[in-house]
Amino acid sequence: MPRMTNILMPCSQPMFPPLCIPVALFEIQVSGFCSSTFFNPLGTPLVAGLAVAAAALAGRYGIQAWQAFKARPPTLRKFYEGGFQPTMTRREAALILGIRESTPADKVKEAHRKVMVANHPDAGGSHYLASKINEAKDMMLGKTRGSESAF
C-alpha cells in the first residue's frame, strides 16, 4: 500500500521523468522485501515556492493587522489605581477632577460640575465620592477645609 514519504529526503534512486509526477511522492513496497523511493526533481522547488507564497501571504495579513491595530481609536484613559490619601493634596484633587494642578478657577468649576453630575448621590452615586469631589474642588480653589469628610 503506498504511503507518503518525506520529500526533502535525499534519494539514492535514479531520477524519473516528469510523467511520474503524480506518483513521485509515494513509497512503494514490492513483495514486502524491498522498497524504492521515487524522487521528484520538481518537488523541492514546488515546496519552496509554496513556502515563500505562504510566508508572503502571512506577512501581508500581518502588516494589515498591525495597521488596523494602530488605526483603532484609543481606549479609555487608564484610571488611577491608588486610593485616597489621609489628607488631600493638590495633586490628588487634580487627579479626582481630571485636570492639571495649574488649571484656572473657571475650568476647576467646570470640571467639578462634570464629575459631580456623573457621581451625584441623587443619580445613584456614592455620598463618599461626592464628598471627595467637593473636597477636591475646595482644595483646587484654595478653600482648604482639610479632610472633613464624614466617611
N, C-alpha and C. Protein backbone atom coordinates (compact mmCIF):
# COMPACT_ATOMS: atom_id res chain seq x y z
N MET A 1 0.85 -1.17 0.00
CA MET A 1 0.00 0.00 0.00
C MET A 1 0.90 1.24 0.00
N PRO A 2 0.67 2.19 -0.88
CA PRO A 2 1.51 3.39 -0.93
C PRO A 2 1.32 4.26 0.30
N ARG A 3 2.38 4.93 0.73
CA ARG A 3 2.28 5.87 1.83
C ARG A 3 3.18 7.07 1.55
N MET A 4 2.88 8.19 2.19
CA MET A 4 3.63 9.42 1.94
C MET A 4 5.02 9.32 2.56
N THR A 5 5.99 9.93 1.90
CA THR A 5 7.35 9.98 2.43
C THR A 5 7.80 11.42 2.51
N ASN A 6 8.88 11.63 3.18
CA ASN A 6 9.45 12.97 3.30
C ASN A 6 10.10 13.34 1.97
N ILE A 7 9.64 14.40 1.33
CA ILE A 7 10.16 14.74 0.01
C ILE A 7 11.50 15.47 0.08
N LEU A 8 11.91 15.89 1.26
CA LEU A 8 13.20 16.57 1.38
C LEU A 8 14.33 15.58 1.67
N MET A 9 13.99 14.29 1.72
CA MET A 9 14.95 13.25 2.00
C MET A 9 15.84 13.01 0.78
N PRO A 10 17.15 12.86 0.98
CA PRO A 10 18.00 12.57 -0.18
C PRO A 10 17.62 11.23 -0.80
N CYS A 11 17.76 11.15 -2.08
CA CYS A 11 17.35 9.94 -2.80
C CYS A 11 18.55 9.30 -3.48
N SER A 12 18.67 8.00 -3.29
CA SER A 12 19.75 7.29 -3.96
C SER A 12 19.27 6.65 -5.26
N GLN A 13 17.97 6.73 -5.52
CA GLN A 13 17.41 6.14 -6.73
C GLN A 13 17.60 7.11 -7.90
N PRO A 14 17.64 6.58 -9.13
CA PRO A 14 17.77 7.46 -10.29
C PRO A 14 16.52 8.32 -10.46
N MET A 15 16.68 9.48 -11.09
CA MET A 15 15.57 10.40 -11.33
C MET A 15 14.62 9.79 -12.36
N PHE A 16 13.34 10.05 -12.17
CA PHE A 16 12.33 9.57 -13.10
C PHE A 16 11.84 10.73 -13.95
N PRO A 17 11.33 10.43 -15.12
CA PRO A 17 10.85 11.51 -15.99
C PRO A 17 9.66 12.23 -15.37
N PRO A 18 9.36 13.44 -15.82
CA PRO A 18 8.25 14.22 -15.25
C PRO A 18 6.89 13.56 -15.39
N LEU A 19 6.77 12.51 -16.19
CA LEU A 19 5.49 11.83 -16.31
C LEU A 19 5.10 11.14 -15.01
N CYS A 20 6.06 10.93 -14.14
CA CYS A 20 5.80 10.23 -12.89
C CYS A 20 5.47 11.20 -11.75
N ILE A 21 5.21 12.46 -12.05
CA ILE A 21 4.98 13.48 -11.01
C ILE A 21 3.84 13.10 -10.07
N PRO A 22 2.68 12.62 -10.57
CA PRO A 22 1.59 12.33 -9.63
C PRO A 22 1.94 11.26 -8.61
N VAL A 23 2.79 10.30 -8.94
CA VAL A 23 3.11 9.24 -8.00
C VAL A 23 4.52 9.38 -7.44
N ALA A 24 5.17 10.47 -7.71
CA ALA A 24 6.58 10.59 -7.35
C ALA A 24 6.80 10.77 -5.86
N LEU A 25 5.77 11.07 -5.09
CA LEU A 25 5.97 11.31 -3.67
C LEU A 25 5.55 10.12 -2.80
N PHE A 26 5.38 8.95 -3.39
CA PHE A 26 4.96 7.78 -2.66
C PHE A 26 6.07 6.75 -2.59
N GLU A 27 6.04 5.99 -1.52
CA GLU A 27 6.98 4.88 -1.37
C GLU A 27 6.20 3.59 -1.64
N ILE A 28 6.73 2.76 -2.49
CA ILE A 28 6.02 1.54 -2.88
C ILE A 28 6.82 0.34 -2.39
N GLN A 29 6.13 -0.59 -1.72
CA GLN A 29 6.78 -1.82 -1.30
C GLN A 29 6.51 -2.89 -2.34
N VAL A 30 7.59 -3.50 -2.78
CA VAL A 30 7.48 -4.54 -3.79
C VAL A 30 7.63 -5.88 -3.08
N SER A 31 6.62 -6.70 -3.08
CA SER A 31 6.54 -8.02 -2.45
C SER A 31 7.06 -8.04 -1.03
N GLY A 32 7.00 -6.94 -0.32
CA GLY A 32 7.35 -6.91 1.09
C GLY A 32 8.83 -6.97 1.39
N PHE A 33 9.71 -7.13 0.41
CA PHE A 33 11.14 -7.28 0.66
C PHE A 33 11.91 -5.99 0.44
N CYS A 34 11.58 -5.27 -0.58
CA CYS A 34 12.40 -4.11 -0.89
C CYS A 34 11.50 -2.93 -1.14
N SER A 35 11.98 -1.77 -0.84
CA SER A 35 11.19 -0.57 -1.10
C SER A 35 12.04 0.39 -1.90
N SER A 36 11.41 1.07 -2.78
CA SER A 36 12.13 2.06 -3.57
C SER A 36 11.41 3.40 -3.40
N THR A 37 12.15 4.46 -3.33
CA THR A 37 11.58 5.79 -3.14
C THR A 37 11.66 6.54 -4.45
N PHE A 38 10.53 7.03 -4.89
CA PHE A 38 10.51 7.87 -6.08
C PHE A 38 10.83 9.29 -5.65
N PHE A 39 11.65 9.98 -6.37
CA PHE A 39 12.02 11.36 -6.05
C PHE A 39 11.64 12.23 -7.23
N ASN A 40 10.92 13.27 -6.96
CA ASN A 40 10.50 14.20 -7.99
C ASN A 40 11.46 15.38 -7.99
N PRO A 41 12.18 15.61 -9.08
CA PRO A 41 13.10 16.75 -9.10
C PRO A 41 12.37 18.09 -9.06
N LEU A 42 11.08 18.11 -9.38
CA LEU A 42 10.31 19.35 -9.33
C LEU A 42 9.65 19.55 -7.96
N GLY A 43 9.70 18.57 -7.10
CA GLY A 43 9.03 18.65 -5.81
C GLY A 43 9.63 19.66 -4.87
N THR A 44 10.96 19.68 -4.77
CA THR A 44 11.62 20.61 -3.85
C THR A 44 11.37 22.06 -4.24
N PRO A 45 11.55 22.45 -5.50
CA PRO A 45 11.23 23.85 -5.84
C PRO A 45 9.76 24.18 -5.65
N LEU A 46 8.90 23.20 -5.88
CA LEU A 46 7.47 23.42 -5.68
C LEU A 46 7.18 23.70 -4.21
N VAL A 47 7.73 22.90 -3.33
CA VAL A 47 7.53 23.09 -1.90
C VAL A 47 8.14 24.41 -1.45
N ALA A 48 9.32 24.74 -1.97
CA ALA A 48 9.95 26.01 -1.62
C ALA A 48 9.10 27.18 -2.10
N GLY A 49 8.55 27.08 -3.29
CA GLY A 49 7.68 28.14 -3.81
C GLY A 49 6.42 28.30 -2.98
N LEU A 50 5.84 27.17 -2.57
CA LEU A 50 4.66 27.24 -1.71
C LEU A 50 4.99 27.86 -0.36
N ALA A 51 6.16 27.54 0.17
CA ALA A 51 6.57 28.12 1.45
C ALA A 51 6.76 29.62 1.33
N VAL A 52 7.38 30.06 0.24
CA VAL A 52 7.57 31.50 0.02
C VAL A 52 6.22 32.19 -0.15
N ALA A 53 5.31 31.58 -0.89
CA ALA A 53 3.98 32.17 -1.08
C ALA A 53 3.22 32.26 0.25
N ALA A 54 3.32 31.21 1.06
CA ALA A 54 2.66 31.23 2.37
C ALA A 54 3.26 32.31 3.27
N ALA A 55 4.58 32.45 3.24
CA ALA A 55 5.23 33.49 4.04
C ALA A 55 4.82 34.88 3.56
N ALA A 56 4.70 35.06 2.25
CA ALA A 56 4.27 36.36 1.71
C ALA A 56 2.85 36.69 2.13
N LEU A 57 1.96 35.70 2.07
CA LEU A 57 0.57 35.93 2.50
C LEU A 57 0.50 36.23 3.99
N ALA A 58 1.26 35.48 4.78
CA ALA A 58 1.27 35.72 6.22
C ALA A 58 1.82 37.12 6.52
N GLY A 59 2.86 37.52 5.82
CA GLY A 59 3.40 38.86 6.00
C GLY A 59 2.40 39.94 5.62
N ARG A 60 1.70 39.71 4.52
CA ARG A 60 0.70 40.69 4.06
C ARG A 60 -0.40 40.86 5.10
N TYR A 61 -0.95 39.74 5.57
CA TYR A 61 -2.02 39.83 6.57
C TYR A 61 -1.49 40.35 7.90
N GLY A 62 -0.25 40.04 8.23
CA GLY A 62 0.34 40.59 9.45
C GLY A 62 0.47 42.10 9.39
N ILE A 63 0.90 42.62 8.24
CA ILE A 63 1.02 44.07 8.08
C ILE A 63 -0.36 44.72 8.14
N GLN A 64 -1.36 44.11 7.49
CA GLN A 64 -2.71 44.67 7.54
C GLN A 64 -3.26 44.66 8.96
N ALA A 65 -3.00 43.60 9.71
CA ALA A 65 -3.48 43.53 11.09
C ALA A 65 -2.79 44.59 11.95
N TRP A 66 -1.49 44.80 11.74
CA TRP A 66 -0.76 45.81 12.51
C TRP A 66 -1.29 47.21 12.21
N GLN A 67 -1.55 47.49 10.92
CA GLN A 67 -2.08 48.81 10.56
C GLN A 67 -3.47 49.01 11.14
N ALA A 68 -4.30 47.98 11.15
CA ALA A 68 -5.63 48.09 11.74
C ALA A 68 -5.53 48.29 13.25
N PHE A 69 -4.57 47.64 13.88
CA PHE A 69 -4.36 47.78 15.32
C PHE A 69 -3.93 49.20 15.66
N LYS A 70 -3.02 49.76 14.86
CA LYS A 70 -2.54 51.12 15.12
C LYS A 70 -3.59 52.18 14.81
N ALA A 71 -4.53 51.90 13.89
CA ALA A 71 -5.52 52.89 13.46
C ALA A 71 -6.78 52.89 14.33
N ARG A 72 -6.91 51.94 15.23
CA ARG A 72 -8.13 51.89 16.04
C ARG A 72 -8.17 53.06 17.02
N PRO A 73 -9.35 53.43 17.46
CA PRO A 73 -9.44 54.57 18.38
C PRO A 73 -8.80 54.23 19.72
N PRO A 74 -8.28 55.23 20.39
CA PRO A 74 -7.63 54.95 21.67
C PRO A 74 -8.64 54.45 22.71
N THR A 75 -8.18 53.59 23.57
CA THR A 75 -9.05 53.08 24.62
C THR A 75 -9.22 54.15 25.69
N LEU A 76 -10.09 53.88 26.61
CA LEU A 76 -10.30 54.84 27.68
C LEU A 76 -9.02 55.05 28.46
N ARG A 77 -8.88 56.25 28.97
CA ARG A 77 -7.68 56.58 29.73
C ARG A 77 -7.58 55.66 30.94
N LYS A 78 -6.39 55.23 31.25
CA LYS A 78 -6.19 54.34 32.38
C LYS A 78 -6.49 55.09 33.68
N PHE A 79 -7.22 54.46 34.55
CA PHE A 79 -7.62 55.13 35.78
C PHE A 79 -6.52 55.05 36.83
N TYR A 80 -6.63 55.91 37.80
CA TYR A 80 -5.68 55.96 38.91
C TYR A 80 -5.98 54.79 39.83
N GLU A 81 -5.01 53.95 40.06
CA GLU A 81 -5.25 52.72 40.80
C GLU A 81 -5.09 52.87 42.31
N GLY A 82 -4.57 54.00 42.76
CA GLY A 82 -4.38 54.19 44.19
C GLY A 82 -5.66 54.63 44.88
N GLY A 83 -5.68 54.54 46.19
CA GLY A 83 -6.83 55.01 46.96
C GLY A 83 -6.65 56.47 47.34
N PHE A 84 -7.51 56.93 48.24
CA PHE A 84 -7.41 58.31 48.71
C PHE A 84 -6.37 58.41 49.81
N GLN A 85 -5.68 59.54 49.85
CA GLN A 85 -4.69 59.79 50.90
C GLN A 85 -5.42 60.30 52.15
N PRO A 86 -4.82 60.17 53.33
CA PRO A 86 -5.50 60.65 54.55
C PRO A 86 -5.81 62.15 54.50
N THR A 87 -4.88 62.94 54.00
CA THR A 87 -5.09 64.37 53.83
C THR A 87 -4.95 64.68 52.35
N MET A 88 -5.96 65.34 51.77
CA MET A 88 -5.96 65.58 50.33
C MET A 88 -4.88 66.60 49.95
N THR A 89 -4.18 66.32 48.88
CA THR A 89 -3.17 67.23 48.33
C THR A 89 -3.70 67.82 47.03
N ARG A 90 -3.00 68.82 46.51
CA ARG A 90 -3.41 69.41 45.23
C ARG A 90 -3.30 68.38 44.10
N ARG A 91 -2.30 67.54 44.19
CA ARG A 91 -2.13 66.51 43.16
C ARG A 91 -3.31 65.55 43.15
N GLU A 92 -3.71 65.09 44.34
CA GLU A 92 -4.84 64.18 44.43
C GLU A 92 -6.13 64.87 43.99
N ALA A 93 -6.30 66.13 44.36
CA ALA A 93 -7.50 66.88 43.96
C ALA A 93 -7.56 67.01 42.43
N ALA A 94 -6.41 67.28 41.81
CA ALA A 94 -6.37 67.39 40.35
C ALA A 94 -6.68 66.04 39.70
N LEU A 95 -6.20 64.96 40.28
CA LEU A 95 -6.50 63.62 39.74
C LEU A 95 -7.99 63.30 39.85
N ILE A 96 -8.61 63.68 40.95
CA ILE A 96 -10.04 63.41 41.14
C ILE A 96 -10.87 64.16 40.11
N LEU A 97 -10.52 65.43 39.87
CA LEU A 97 -11.29 66.25 38.94
C LEU A 97 -10.87 66.04 37.49
N GLY A 98 -9.76 65.37 37.26
CA GLY A 98 -9.31 65.11 35.90
C GLY A 98 -8.71 66.33 35.23
N ILE A 99 -8.04 67.17 36.00
CA ILE A 99 -7.43 68.40 35.48
C ILE A 99 -5.99 68.47 35.94
N ARG A 100 -5.28 69.51 35.47
CA ARG A 100 -3.90 69.73 35.92
C ARG A 100 -3.91 70.57 37.19
N GLU A 101 -2.80 70.54 37.90
CA GLU A 101 -2.70 71.30 39.15
C GLU A 101 -2.73 72.81 38.91
N SER A 102 -2.35 73.26 37.72
CA SER A 102 -2.29 74.70 37.43
C SER A 102 -3.51 75.20 36.67
N THR A 103 -4.62 74.51 36.73
CA THR A 103 -5.83 74.88 36.00
C THR A 103 -6.49 76.10 36.65
N PRO A 104 -6.98 77.07 35.84
CA PRO A 104 -7.65 78.25 36.41
C PRO A 104 -8.99 77.88 37.08
N ALA A 105 -9.50 78.80 37.89
CA ALA A 105 -10.69 78.54 38.71
C ALA A 105 -11.92 78.21 37.88
N ASP A 106 -12.13 78.88 36.75
CA ASP A 106 -13.33 78.60 35.96
C ASP A 106 -13.31 77.18 35.39
N LYS A 107 -12.14 76.71 35.00
CA LYS A 107 -12.02 75.33 34.50
C LYS A 107 -12.19 74.31 35.64
N VAL A 108 -11.76 74.70 36.85
CA VAL A 108 -11.94 73.82 38.01
C VAL A 108 -13.43 73.63 38.28
N LYS A 109 -14.19 74.74 38.24
CA LYS A 109 -15.63 74.66 38.49
C LYS A 109 -16.33 73.84 37.42
N GLU A 110 -15.91 74.01 36.17
CA GLU A 110 -16.49 73.24 35.07
C GLU A 110 -16.20 71.74 35.23
N ALA A 111 -14.95 71.41 35.58
CA ALA A 111 -14.59 70.00 35.78
C ALA A 111 -15.34 69.42 36.97
N HIS A 112 -15.50 70.22 38.04
CA HIS A 112 -16.24 69.77 39.22
C HIS A 112 -17.69 69.45 38.84
N ARG A 113 -18.29 70.30 38.04
CA ARG A 113 -19.68 70.10 37.63
C ARG A 113 -19.82 68.79 36.84
N LYS A 114 -18.90 68.55 35.90
CA LYS A 114 -18.97 67.33 35.08
C LYS A 114 -18.82 66.07 35.93
N VAL A 115 -17.84 66.09 36.84
CA VAL A 115 -17.59 64.91 37.67
C VAL A 115 -18.73 64.70 38.65
N MET A 116 -19.27 65.80 39.18
CA MET A 116 -20.34 65.70 40.16
C MET A 116 -21.64 65.20 39.52
N VAL A 117 -21.92 65.61 38.28
CA VAL A 117 -23.12 65.11 37.59
C VAL A 117 -23.03 63.59 37.43
N ALA A 118 -21.86 63.09 37.14
CA ALA A 118 -21.69 61.64 36.94
C ALA A 118 -21.74 60.86 38.25
N ASN A 119 -21.42 61.52 39.38
CA ASN A 119 -21.30 60.80 40.65
C ASN A 119 -22.23 61.33 41.74
N HIS A 120 -23.23 62.11 41.40
CA HIS A 120 -24.11 62.70 42.42
C HIS A 120 -24.93 61.61 43.11
N PRO A 121 -25.09 61.72 44.44
CA PRO A 121 -25.86 60.69 45.16
C PRO A 121 -27.31 60.58 44.71
N ASP A 122 -27.91 61.68 44.26
CA ASP A 122 -29.30 61.61 43.79
C ASP A 122 -29.43 60.83 42.49
N ALA A 123 -28.33 60.71 41.75
CA ALA A 123 -28.34 59.98 40.48
C ALA A 123 -27.74 58.58 40.64
N GLY A 124 -27.65 58.11 41.88
CA GLY A 124 -27.14 56.77 42.12
C GLY A 124 -25.66 56.72 42.46
N GLY A 125 -25.05 57.87 42.65
CA GLY A 125 -23.63 57.92 43.01
C GLY A 125 -23.43 57.73 44.51
N SER A 126 -22.20 57.73 44.91
CA SER A 126 -21.84 57.50 46.30
C SER A 126 -21.71 58.83 47.05
N HIS A 127 -22.18 58.85 48.31
CA HIS A 127 -22.01 60.04 49.15
C HIS A 127 -20.53 60.28 49.43
N TYR A 128 -19.80 59.19 49.61
CA TYR A 128 -18.36 59.30 49.89
C TYR A 128 -17.64 59.95 48.71
N LEU A 129 -17.90 59.48 47.50
CA LEU A 129 -17.25 60.07 46.33
C LEU A 129 -17.67 61.53 46.14
N ALA A 130 -18.94 61.83 46.38
CA ALA A 130 -19.40 63.21 46.24
C ALA A 130 -18.68 64.12 47.23
N SER A 131 -18.46 63.64 48.45
CA SER A 131 -17.75 64.47 49.43
C SER A 131 -16.29 64.65 49.02
N LYS A 132 -15.68 63.62 48.46
CA LYS A 132 -14.29 63.74 47.99
C LYS A 132 -14.19 64.69 46.79
N ILE A 133 -15.18 64.66 45.90
CA ILE A 133 -15.18 65.57 44.75
C ILE A 133 -15.31 67.01 45.22
N ASN A 134 -16.21 67.25 46.19
CA ASN A 134 -16.36 68.61 46.72
C ASN A 134 -15.09 69.06 47.43
N GLU A 135 -14.46 68.15 48.17
CA GLU A 135 -13.20 68.47 48.84
C GLU A 135 -12.11 68.79 47.83
N ALA A 136 -12.09 68.07 46.72
CA ALA A 136 -11.09 68.32 45.67
C ALA A 136 -11.31 69.70 45.05
N LYS A 137 -12.58 70.07 44.82
CA LYS A 137 -12.87 71.41 44.27
C LYS A 137 -12.40 72.49 45.23
N ASP A 138 -12.71 72.31 46.52
CA ASP A 138 -12.30 73.31 47.51
C ASP A 138 -10.78 73.41 47.59
N MET A 139 -10.10 72.30 47.50
CA MET A 139 -8.63 72.31 47.54
C MET A 139 -8.07 73.05 46.34
N MET A 140 -8.62 72.82 45.16
CA MET A 140 -8.11 73.46 43.94
C MET A 140 -8.43 74.95 43.91
N LEU A 141 -9.53 75.37 44.56
CA LEU A 141 -9.90 76.78 44.59
C LEU A 141 -9.25 77.52 45.76
N GLY A 142 -8.51 76.81 46.59
CA GLY A 142 -7.80 77.44 47.70
C GLY A 142 -8.60 77.51 48.98
N LYS A 143 -9.76 76.91 49.01
CA LYS A 143 -10.58 76.88 50.22
C LYS A 143 -10.30 75.57 50.95
N THR A 144 -9.15 75.46 51.56
CA THR A 144 -8.78 74.19 52.19
C THR A 144 -9.59 73.98 53.44
N ARG A 145 -10.35 72.91 53.44
CA ARG A 145 -11.15 72.57 54.61
C ARG A 145 -10.49 71.44 55.39
N GLY A 146 -9.39 70.93 54.87
CA GLY A 146 -8.81 69.74 55.48
C GLY A 146 -9.62 68.54 55.07
N SER A 147 -9.51 67.48 55.80
CA SER A 147 -10.29 66.28 55.49
C SER A 147 -11.48 66.23 56.42
N GLU A 148 -12.56 66.94 56.05
CA GLU A 148 -13.75 67.00 56.88
C GLU A 148 -14.77 65.95 56.48
N SER A 149 -14.37 65.02 55.68
CA SER A 149 -15.30 64.01 55.21
C SER A 149 -15.86 63.22 56.39
N ALA A 150 -17.15 62.97 56.36
CA ALA A 150 -17.79 62.20 57.42
C ALA A 150 -17.46 60.72 57.28
N PHE A 151 -16.81 60.35 56.20
CA PHE A 151 -16.52 58.94 55.97
C PHE A 151 -15.10 58.70 56.31
